[in-house]
Amino acid sequence: MTETPEWAGRARVVMLGKPGCHLCEEAWSVIERVTDELGADRGQEQLDGVGEADREEYWDKVPVTFVDGRRHDFWRVSEDRLRAALGG
């Protein structure tokens, strides 16, 4: 996928996940901690709520993290990398 999904730009940090995903829960915990500390907006999207092309692209990569509308990470969220991407 070459274009940024429109839903990825709704907040400074957006996590794409799916229900029951333990990696998503771990990633969201890191995202909450970092965005709270840095005062950044965050949001979540569920894989079953996005278009077919995005489901195909990201199905085996969740959780997928976007920062400022660009794909940042997948499978795991590095607190240090996220902090650096947010300028913290």
Protein backbone atom coordinates (compact mmCIF):
# COMPACT_ATOMS: atom_id res chain seq x y z
CA MET A 1 0.00 0.00 0.00
CA THR A 2 1.54 3.29 -1.04
CA GLU A 3 -1.07 5.76 0.20
CA THR A 4 -1.66 6.62 3.83
CA PRO A 5 -5.09 5.42 4.95
CA GLU A 6 -7.36 8.38 5.78
CA TRP A 7 -8.10 6.94 9.23
CA ALA A 8 -4.38 6.92 10.10
CA GLY A 9 -4.27 10.72 10.25
CA ARG A 10 -7.09 11.21 12.77
CA ALA A 11 -4.72 11.54 15.73
CA ARG A 12 -0.99 12.02 16.20
CA VAL A 13 -0.62 8.31 17.08
CA VAL A 14 -3.07 5.74 15.76
CA MET A 15 -2.95 2.03 16.49
CA LEU A 16 -4.66 -0.45 14.19
CA GLY A 17 -5.56 -3.61 16.05
CA LYS A 18 -8.06 -6.41 16.42
CA PRO A 19 -10.11 -7.69 19.35
CA GLY A 20 -8.48 -10.25 21.61
CA CYS A 21 -4.97 -9.42 20.41
CA HIS A 22 -2.54 -9.54 23.35
CA LEU A 23 0.14 -7.70 21.36
CA CYS A 24 -2.41 -4.93 20.74
CA GLU A 25 -3.05 -4.62 24.47
CA GLU A 26 0.69 -4.38 25.17
CA ALA A 27 1.20 -1.84 22.38
CA TRP A 28 -1.73 0.29 23.54
CA SER A 29 -0.28 0.39 27.05
CA VAL A 30 2.99 1.81 25.68
CA ILE A 31 1.11 4.27 23.45
CA GLU A 32 -1.00 5.50 26.37
CA ARG A 33 2.02 5.98 28.60
CA VAL A 34 4.09 7.86 26.01
CA THR A 35 1.29 10.03 24.64
CA ASP A 36 0.15 10.95 28.16
CA GLU A 37 3.69 11.97 29.11
CA LEU A 38 4.20 13.98 25.91
CA GLY A 39 0.68 15.36 25.59
CA ALA A 40 0.10 13.80 22.15
CA ASP A 41 -3.27 12.74 20.73
CA ARG A 42 -3.91 9.06 20.23
CA GLY A 43 -6.60 6.90 18.71
CA GLN A 44 -7.42 3.31 17.84
CA GLU A 45 -8.91 1.69 14.78
CA GLN A 46 -10.10 -1.89 14.58
CA LEU A 47 -9.09 -4.01 11.62
CA ASP A 48 -12.69 -5.06 11.03
CA GLY A 49 -13.67 -1.37 10.66
CA VAL A 50 -11.30 -0.45 7.82
CA GLY A 51 -11.48 -1.09 4.10
CA GLU A 52 -10.70 -4.40 2.45
CA ALA A 53 -7.35 -3.22 1.04
CA ASP A 54 -6.19 -2.11 4.49
CA ARG A 55 -7.35 -5.39 6.06
CA GLU A 56 -5.34 -7.33 3.50
CA GLU A 57 -2.29 -5.10 3.93
CA TYR A 58 -2.21 -5.13 7.74
CA TRP A 59 -3.90 -8.41 8.77
CA ASP A 60 -0.71 -10.21 9.74
CA LYS A 61 1.06 -7.09 11.08
CA VAL A 62 -1.22 -5.95 13.91
CA PRO A 63 -0.81 -4.03 15.97
CA VAL A 64 0.26 -1.43 13.43
CA THR A 65 1.21 2.00 14.74
CA PHE A 66 0.97 5.20 12.71
CA VAL A 67 2.56 8.50 13.71
CA ASP A 68 1.35 11.63 11.94
CA GLY A 69 -0.38 9.45 9.34
CA ARG A 70 2.68 7.37 8.45
CA ARG A 71 3.24 3.75 9.37
CA HIS A 72 5.67 3.72 12.26
CA ASP A 73 5.81 0.18 13.63
CA PHE A 74 4.09 -3.18 13.60
CA TRP A 75 3.80 -6.19 15.94
CA ARG A 76 5.36 -4.35 18.87
CA VAL A 77 5.78 -0.73 19.94
CA SER A 78 9.18 0.39 21.13
CA GLU A 79 8.74 3.07 23.77
CA ASP A 80 12.05 4.69 22.82
CA ARG A 81 11.26 4.73 19.08
CA LEU A 82 7.77 6.14 19.68
CA ARG A 83 9.15 8.82 21.99
CA ALA A 84 11.75 9.80 19.37
CA ALA A 85 9.12 9.92 16.61
CA LEU A 86 7.04 12.28 18.76
CA GLY A 87 10.03 14.48 19.49
CA GLY A 88 10.26 13.47 23.15
